[in-house]
Protein backbone atom coordinates (compact mmCIF):
# COMPACT_ATOMS: atom_id res chain seq x y z
CA UNK A 1 15.52 -9.37 7.99
CA UNK A 2 16.99 -12.76 7.75
CA UNK A 3 20.00 -13.79 9.89
CA UNK A 4 23.16 -13.69 7.81
CA UNK A 5 24.74 -17.06 7.15
CA UNK A 6 28.07 -18.41 5.76
CA UNK A 7 28.12 -19.12 2.01
CA UNK A 8 31.76 -18.75 0.97
CA UNK A 9 34.85 -16.71 1.49
CA UNK A 10 36.76 -13.94 -0.14
CA UNK A 11 40.44 -13.65 0.75
CA UNK A 12 43.58 -11.82 -0.31
CA UNK A 13 47.14 -11.94 0.91
CA UNK A 14 49.49 -9.00 0.99
CA UNK A 15 52.98 -9.64 2.19
CA UNK A 16 52.73 -11.32 5.54
CA UNK A 17 49.08 -10.47 6.16
CA UNK A 18 45.95 -12.11 4.72
CA UNK A 19 42.28 -11.55 5.57
CA UNK A 20 39.20 -13.68 4.78
CA UNK A 21 35.68 -12.30 4.65
CA UNK A 22 32.76 -14.81 4.72
CA UNK A 23 29.76 -14.29 2.38
CA UNK A 24 26.39 -13.44 3.82
CA UNK A 25 22.99 -14.89 3.03
CA UNK A 26 20.29 -12.24 3.61
CA UNK A 27 17.54 -14.69 2.47
CA UNK A 28 17.32 -18.21 1.23
CA UNK A 29 17.46 -16.98 -2.33
CA UNK A 30 20.05 -14.24 -2.11
CA UNK A 31 23.69 -13.80 -1.04
CA UNK A 32 26.35 -11.13 -0.67
CA UNK A 33 30.00 -11.92 -1.51
CA UNK A 34 32.96 -9.77 -0.73
CA UNK A 35 35.84 -8.86 -2.99
CA UNK A 36 38.96 -7.88 -1.08
CA UNK A 37 41.86 -5.75 -2.45
CA UNK A 38 45.06 -4.95 -0.51
CA UNK A 39 45.99 -1.32 -1.03
CA UNK A 40 49.23 -1.55 0.95
CA UNK A 41 50.50 -0.26 4.27
CA UNK A 42 49.67 3.14 5.77
CA UNK A 43 51.16 5.16 8.61
CA UNK A 44 49.66 6.15 11.98
CA UNK A 45 49.22 9.75 10.61
CA UNK A 46 47.08 8.36 7.79
CA UNK A 47 44.80 6.70 10.35
CA UNK A 48 44.22 9.97 12.16
CA UNK A 49 42.09 11.43 9.36
CA UNK A 50 39.54 8.54 9.18
CA UNK A 51 36.00 8.39 10.32
CA UNK A 52 36.87 5.39 12.44
CA UNK A 53 34.83 2.62 13.85
CA UNK A 54 37.39 0.44 15.72
CA UNK A 55 37.00 -3.20 16.78
CA UNK A 56 39.41 -5.72 18.35
CA UNK A 57 39.94 -9.22 17.14
CA UNK A 58 38.81 -12.10 19.34
CA UNK A 59 42.23 -12.74 20.78
CA UNK A 60 43.10 -9.03 20.79
CA UNK A 61 46.01 -9.52 18.35
CA UNK A 62 44.68 -6.99 15.86
CA UNK A 63 42.78 -3.72 15.81
CA UNK A 64 40.21 -3.50 13.02
CA UNK A 65 39.49 0.04 11.80
CA UNK A 66 36.48 0.60 9.53
CA UNK A 67 36.37 3.97 7.79
CA UNK A 68 32.62 4.82 7.72
CA UNK A 69 33.54 7.89 5.67
CA UNK A 70 34.50 5.50 2.88
CA UNK A 71 31.01 4.11 2.45
CA UNK A 72 30.29 4.81 -1.19
CA UNK A 73 29.70 3.42 -4.67
CA UNK A 74 32.33 2.74 -7.37
CA UNK A 75 31.89 3.38 -11.07
CA UNK A 76 29.79 0.22 -11.59
CA UNK A 77 27.69 0.92 -8.53
CA UNK A 78 29.28 -1.63 -6.19
CA UNK A 79 29.10 -0.64 -2.53
CA UNK A 80 32.65 -0.27 -1.14
CA UNK A 81 34.41 0.67 2.06
CA UNK A 82 37.95 0.68 3.64
CA UNK A 83 39.26 -1.54 6.38
CA UNK A 84 42.61 -0.99 8.17
CA UNK A 85 44.17 -3.93 10.09
CA UNK A 86 46.75 -3.01 12.68
CA UNK A 87 48.77 -5.30 14.89
CA UNK A 88 48.12 -4.55 18.57
CA UNK A 89 50.88 -2.32 19.81
CA UNK A 90 52.27 -2.07 16.34
CA UNK A 91 52.94 0.95 14.19
CA UNK A 92 50.92 1.65 10.99
CA UNK A 93 48.35 -0.67 9.45
CA UNK A 94 47.45 -2.60 6.31
CA UNK A 95 44.85 -0.95 4.13
CA UNK A 96 42.20 -3.28 2.62
CA UNK A 97 39.41 -2.17 0.28
CA UNK A 98 36.23 -4.23 0.31
CA UNK A 99 33.48 -4.50 -2.30
CA UNK A 100 30.00 -5.96 -1.84
CA UNK A 101 28.74 -8.29 -4.65
CA UNK A 102 25.03 -8.92 -3.93
CA UNK A 103 23.10 -11.65 -5.76
CA UNK A 104 19.30 -11.87 -5.68
CA UNK A 105 16.55 -9.66 -4.27
CA UNK A 106 16.42 -8.60 -0.63
CA UNK A 107 15.89 -5.54 1.51
CA UNK A 108 18.93 -3.58 2.65
CA UNK A 109 19.96 -3.93 6.24
CA UNK A 110 22.90 -3.38 8.64
CA UNK A 111 24.67 -6.48 9.77
CA UNK A 112 27.93 -7.75 11.28
CA UNK A 113 30.41 -9.44 8.97
CA UNK A 114 33.06 -11.88 10.07
CA UNK A 115 36.75 -11.60 9.34
CA UNK A 116 39.75 -13.79 9.90
CA UNK A 117 43.32 -12.51 9.87
CA UNK A 118 46.65 -14.28 9.34
CA UNK A 119 49.89 -12.52 9.87
CA UNK A 120 53.33 -13.86 10.61
CA UNK A 121 52.03 -17.12 12.00
CA UNK A 122 49.30 -15.42 14.05
CA UNK A 123 45.72 -16.36 13.34
CA UNK A 124 42.77 -14.44 14.74
CA UNK A 125 39.20 -13.53 13.90
CA UNK A 126 36.75 -10.74 14.58
CA UNK A 127 33.47 -9.20 13.76
CA UNK A 128 32.79 -5.84 12.02
CA UNK A 129 29.38 -4.54 13.22
CA UNK A 130 27.24 -1.84 11.68
CA UNK A 131 28.11 -2.63 8.02
CA UNK A 132 25.39 -1.63 5.51
CA UNK A 133 24.44 -4.60 3.31
CA UNK A 134 22.94 -3.33 0.08
CA UNK A 135 21.09 -5.19 -2.59
CA UNK A 136 21.54 -4.66 -6.33
CA UNK A 137 17.85 -5.35 -6.79
CA UNK A 138 15.97 -3.95 -3.83
CA UNK A 139 12.97 -5.73 -2.34
CA UNK A 140 9.87 -3.88 -1.16
CA UNK A 141 11.00 -1.07 1.02
CA UNK A 142 7.46 -0.22 2.26
CA UNK A 143 4.43 -2.12 3.26
CA UNK A 144 0.88 -0.82 3.51
CA UNK A 145 -0.73 -1.18 6.89
CA UNK A 146 -4.34 -1.28 7.98
CA UNK A 147 -7.30 -2.97 6.34
CA UNK A 148 -7.41 -3.52 2.57
CA UNK A 149 -11.01 -2.73 2.17
CA UNK A 150 -12.12 -0.22 -0.50
CA UNK A 151 -11.75 3.40 0.62
CA UNK A 152 -14.79 5.68 0.13
CA UNK A 153 -14.17 8.74 -2.12
CA UNK A 154 -16.93 11.40 -2.03
CA UNK A 155 -18.26 12.60 -5.38
CA UNK A 156 -18.59 16.28 -6.22
CA UNK A 157 -15.55 17.48 -4.18
CA UNK A 158 -11.84 17.19 -3.81
CA UNK A 159 -10.83 14.80 -1.00
CA UNK A 160 -7.72 13.33 0.61
CA UNK A 161 -6.95 9.63 1.14
CA UNK A 162 -4.67 8.68 3.98
CA UNK A 163 -2.58 5.61 3.14
CA UNK A 164 -0.59 4.34 6.21
CA UNK A 165 2.69 2.72 5.34
CA UNK A 166 5.59 1.29 7.34
CA UNK A 167 9.32 0.89 6.31
CA UNK A 168 10.62 -2.57 5.91
CA UNK A 169 14.16 -1.39 6.57
CA UNK A 170 14.80 -2.44 10.17
CA UNK A 171 17.99 -0.34 10.77
CA UNK A 172 18.35 1.99 7.84
CA UNK A 173 16.52 5.21 6.92
CA UNK A 174 14.62 5.34 3.70
CA UNK A 175 14.30 8.47 1.59
CA UNK A 176 11.24 8.75 -0.65
CA UNK A 177 12.27 10.20 -3.95
CA UNK A 178 8.93 10.33 -5.85
CA UNK A 179 5.37 9.09 -5.73
CA UNK A 180 3.16 8.79 -8.76
CA UNK A 181 -0.52 7.70 -8.94
CA UNK A 182 -2.54 6.25 -11.79
CA UNK A 183 -6.03 4.75 -12.21
CA UNK A 184 -6.15 1.09 -13.11
CA UNK A 185 -9.74 0.55 -14.28
CA UNK A 186 -11.41 3.98 -14.80
CA UNK A 187 -9.04 6.71 -15.82
CA UNK A 188 -11.99 9.00 -16.85
CA UNK A 189 -13.38 8.78 -13.33
CA UNK A 190 -10.90 11.38 -12.12
CA UNK A 191 -10.35 15.06 -12.87
CA UNK A 192 -6.95 16.72 -13.09
CA UNK A 193 -3.74 15.16 -11.84
CA UNK A 194 -3.69 12.70 -8.92
CA UNK A 195 -1.07 13.91 -6.46
CA UNK A 196 0.44 12.77 -3.16
CA UNK A 197 2.23 14.40 -0.23
CA UNK A 198 4.57 12.37 1.92
CA UNK A 199 7.47 12.45 4.35
CA UNK A 200 10.73 12.62 2.48
CA UNK A 201 12.54 10.56 5.15
CA UNK A 202 11.18 7.54 6.92
CA UNK A 203 12.99 6.24 10.02
CA UNK A 204 13.97 2.46 10.37
CA UNK A 205 10.80 0.38 10.74
CA UNK A 206 9.06 3.71 11.08
CA UNK A 207 5.42 4.49 10.22
CA UNK A 208 4.53 7.14 7.69
CA UNK A 209 1.65 7.98 5.37
CA UNK A 210 0.92 8.91 1.85
CA UNK A 211 -1.74 11.60 1.49
CA UNK A 212 -3.45 11.26 -1.91
CA UNK A 213 -5.36 14.26 -3.16
CA UNK A 214 -8.04 13.17 -5.67
CA UNK A 215 -11.01 14.83 -7.49
CA UNK A 216 -13.59 12.43 -8.98
CA UNK A 217 -15.22 13.17 -12.31
CA UNK A 218 -18.84 12.86 -11.11
CA UNK A 219 -20.60 11.72 -14.30
CA UNK A 220 -18.05 9.03 -15.15
CA UNK A 221 -17.77 7.96 -11.50
CA UNK A 222 -21.56 7.64 -11.26
CA UNK A 223 -21.63 5.54 -14.42
CA UNK A 224 -18.82 3.26 -13.13
CA UNK A 225 -20.49 2.84 -9.72
CA UNK A 226 -23.87 2.04 -11.23
CA UNK A 227 -22.56 -1.35 -12.43
CA UNK A 228 -20.48 -2.18 -9.36
CA UNK A 229 -23.16 -2.45 -6.69
CA UNK A 230 -21.48 -5.11 -4.53
CA UNK A 231 -20.60 -3.32 -1.30
CA UNK A 232 -17.41 -5.28 -0.89
CA UNK A 233 -15.88 -4.69 -4.30
CA UNK A 234 -13.94 -1.68 -5.44
CA UNK A 235 -15.10 0.60 -8.31
CA UNK A 236 -11.60 1.61 -9.25
CA UNK A 237 -8.07 0.80 -8.09
CA UNK A 238 -5.47 3.57 -7.71
CA UNK A 239 -1.98 2.25 -8.30
CA UNK A 240 0.67 4.15 -6.29
CA UNK A 241 4.26 3.88 -7.33
CA UNK A 242 6.92 4.73 -4.72
CA UNK A 243 10.58 5.31 -5.64
CA UNK A 244 12.94 5.33 -2.65
CA UNK A 245 16.57 5.08 -1.61
CA UNK A 246 17.85 3.24 1.46
CA UNK A 247 20.28 5.20 3.62
CA UNK A 248 24.06 4.81 3.89
CA UNK A 249 24.77 4.12 0.23
CA UNK A 250 21.70 2.25 -1.04
CA UNK A 251 20.59 2.30 -4.63
CA UNK A 252 17.43 4.00 -5.81
CA UNK A 253 14.80 1.33 -5.93
CA UNK A 254 12.59 0.47 -8.85
CA UNK A 255 9.09 1.97 -8.42
CA UNK A 256 7.28 -0.08 -5.81
CA UNK A 257 3.61 -0.69 -6.54
CA UNK A 258 0.88 -0.31 -3.89
CA UNK A 259 -2.74 -0.78 -4.97
CA UNK A 260 -5.51 1.22 -3.28
CA UNK A 261 -9.13 -0.02 -3.99
CA UNK A 262 -11.71 2.84 -3.87
CA UNK A 263 -15.49 3.14 -3.94
CA UNK A 264 -17.29 6.32 -4.94
CA UNK A 265 -19.60 7.74 -2.32
CA UNK A 266 -22.52 9.83 -3.81
CA UNK A 267 -23.58 12.83 -1.91
CA UNK A 268 -26.92 13.23 -0.20
CA UNK A 269 -28.36 15.10 -3.26
CA UNK A 270 -27.55 12.24 -5.62
CA UNK A 271 -29.11 9.65 -3.20
CA UNK A 272 -32.21 11.74 -2.72
CA UNK A 273 -32.65 12.18 -6.43
CA UNK A 274 -32.26 8.40 -6.96
CA UNK A 275 -34.90 7.63 -4.30
CA UNK A 276 -37.36 10.18 -5.61
CA UNK A 277 -36.98 9.08 -9.19
CA UNK A 278 -37.22 5.39 -8.23
CA UNK A 279 -40.30 6.08 -6.20
CA UNK A 280 -42.01 7.84 -9.12
CA UNK A 281 -41.18 4.98 -11.54
CA UNK A 282 -42.21 2.33 -9.01
CA UNK A 283 -45.53 4.12 -8.35
CA UNK A 284 -46.15 4.60 -12.10
CA UNK A 285 -45.51 0.91 -12.82
CA UNK A 286 -47.88 -0.16 -10.03
CA UNK A 287 -50.61 2.10 -11.52
CA UNK A 288 -50.11 0.51 -14.93
CA UNK A 289 -50.33 -3.11 -13.67
CA UNK A 290 -54.00 -4.35 -13.99
CA UNK A 291 -55.50 -5.05 -10.59
CA UNK A 292 -56.24 -8.66 -9.71
CA UNK A 293 -59.87 -9.72 -8.89
CA UNK A 294 -59.51 -9.48 -5.09
CA UNK A 295 -57.77 -6.06 -5.39
CA UNK A 296 -60.41 -4.84 -7.74
CA UNK A 297 -63.16 -5.88 -5.39
CA UNK A 298 -61.41 -4.26 -2.51
CA UNK A 299 -61.03 -1.07 -4.52
CA UNK A 300 -64.74 -1.04 -5.39
CA UNK A 301 -65.75 -1.46 -1.82
CA UNK A 302 -63.35 1.18 -0.53
CA UNK A 303 -64.79 4.40 0.85
CA UNK A 304 -64.61 7.41 -1.41
CA UNK A 305 -61.53 9.63 -1.04
CA UNK A 306 -61.81 12.67 1.17
CA UNK A 307 -59.43 15.47 2.01
CA UNK A 308 -57.37 18.04 0.20
CA UNK A 309 -55.49 15.59 -2.17
CA UNK A 310 -56.99 12.90 -4.42
CA UNK A 311 -56.35 9.27 -3.46
CA UNK A 312 -53.61 8.82 -6.10
CA UNK A 313 -51.73 11.87 -4.84
CA UNK A 314 -51.84 10.60 -1.33
CA UNK A 315 -50.66 7.18 -2.47
CA UNK A 316 -47.74 8.82 -4.35
CA UNK A 317 -46.71 10.84 -1.30
CA UNK A 318 -46.95 7.73 0.87
CA UNK A 319 -44.90 5.72 -1.63
CA UNK A 320 -42.10 8.40 -1.70
CA UNK A 321 -42.13 8.76 2.05
CA UNK A 322 -41.90 4.97 2.53
CA UNK A 323 -38.99 4.67 0.11
CA UNK A 324 -37.18 7.57 1.86
CA UNK A 325 -37.61 5.85 5.28
CA UNK A 326 -36.40 2.48 3.95
CA UNK A 327 -33.31 4.13 2.39
CA UNK A 328 -32.46 6.02 5.65
CA UNK A 329 -32.92 2.82 7.63
CA UNK A 330 -30.70 0.92 5.12
CA UNK A 331 -28.01 3.60 5.38
CA UNK A 332 -28.00 3.53 9.15
CA UNK A 333 -27.69 -0.33 9.22
CA UNK A 334 -25.04 -0.36 6.46
CA UNK A 335 -22.84 2.37 8.07
CA UNK A 336 -23.01 0.98 11.61
CA UNK A 337 -23.21 -2.83 11.11
CA UNK A 338 -22.03 -3.19 7.46
CA UNK A 339 -25.39 -4.79 6.67
CA UNK A 340 -26.20 -4.82 2.98
CA UNK A 341 -29.53 -4.89 1.08
CA UNK A 342 -30.24 -8.25 -0.56
CA UNK A 343 -32.11 -7.90 -3.85
CA UNK A 344 -33.19 -11.30 -5.32
CA UNK A 345 -30.04 -12.92 -3.85
CA UNK A 346 -27.67 -10.14 -4.70
CA UNK A 347 -25.98 -8.02 -1.98
CA UNK A 348 -26.33 -4.31 -2.61
CA UNK A 349 -24.83 -1.20 -1.09
CA UNK A 350 -27.64 1.29 -0.05
CA UNK A 351 -25.17 4.17 -0.09
CA UNK A 352 -24.81 3.88 -3.91
CA UNK A 353 -27.12 5.48 -6.51
CA UNK A 354 -28.13 2.25 -8.34
CA UNK A 355 -29.12 0.27 -5.30
CA UNK A 356 -31.02 3.27 -3.79
CA UNK A 357 -32.82 3.57 -7.07
CA UNK A 358 -33.80 -0.08 -7.28
CA UNK A 359 -34.94 -0.29 -3.67
CA UNK A 360 -37.09 2.84 -4.18
CA UNK A 361 -38.77 1.22 -7.23
CA UNK A 362 -39.64 -1.93 -5.23
CA UNK A 363 -40.82 -0.09 -2.17
CA UNK A 364 -42.98 2.40 -4.10
CA UNK A 365 -44.22 -0.25 -6.47
CA UNK A 366 -45.25 -2.57 -3.65
CA UNK A 367 -46.27 -6.26 -4.11
CA UNK A 368 -47.59 -5.86 -7.71
CA UNK A 369 -44.14 -4.67 -8.93
CA UNK A 370 -42.18 -7.14 -6.86
CA UNK A 371 -44.46 -9.95 -8.12
CA UNK A 372 -43.98 -8.93 -11.76
CA UNK A 373 -40.15 -8.77 -11.46
CA UNK A 374 -40.12 -12.21 -9.71
CA UNK A 375 -42.13 -13.65 -12.52
CA UNK A 376 -39.82 -12.07 -15.14
CA UNK A 377 -36.73 -13.43 -13.44
CA UNK A 378 -38.15 -16.91 -13.14
CA UNK A 379 -38.85 -16.97 -16.86
């Protein structure tokens, strides 16, 4: 919240009393002017029915009575309140009605406003504290806290995403009216309606959370994740719109947008299927590649296969087992040290189906497959 500064003055004279109210500057690009209307004198009995917040002027010549029960909006949505100015030791008071005229975008806050009074040759000034200052066009009421990294969403099940937020209102409550969610890049990646639960009231500068309930559409999500293999990039962005109202007379805000990047996390079954299929394809490609002269000579000199399984079956089992071990090792490194797999200069996420599939092909295919792919890329 910026410190309020003096911009201009609003003043009005009624009989022998005049008041002046300086304008405020919440930010360098916004201001709040005050329109003052004199509604005439009132009696002491009228003052007894107010929700009073009483202040004294600097020289103690006047009592300044703010009626907090008058905090409200007029027909054109201007924030308004009543002020009663009474001479110290005098009877009755002068009733003034104040309107706020905000310009620009800022976040609502509570601030002191200055006031100067002239009456029958007496000049004094004072400060009214605890006055809500409301914007016509509200700034961002909430900020997202925590890291902005993509959030993992497990495939094949409904899951909840916890989005921590904090209120930007330093001394006003905020009421959350509605929260809506939409997908930005892959609407077909989700089943049913995306919903959110939240605290309806957030305390000043208070922390809260949005709990998003989501259900990925597995086939579409797998397709989307197959072409977004960089472990540091999102595979979809969920856009959350929050509509809220600041306390003590604030206006409902326009929907505030918060973007939540997500990455789809395949289950163990999908990763295991990718590794096995990749191993079979890599092993098959290796068998189809003609052996080089040294490899052929080594194969001729090799001892005949013995045991329950033929040599090709043992080679296949060994290829699958090696690919599984490499995938597990990659997952352990990635989850604990955020280490990614580098494939021909590209950083891959081993917890995704496509990278697991590619790594399994290379591991099961061995040097012949890697050599062929390198030659193809160089061409």
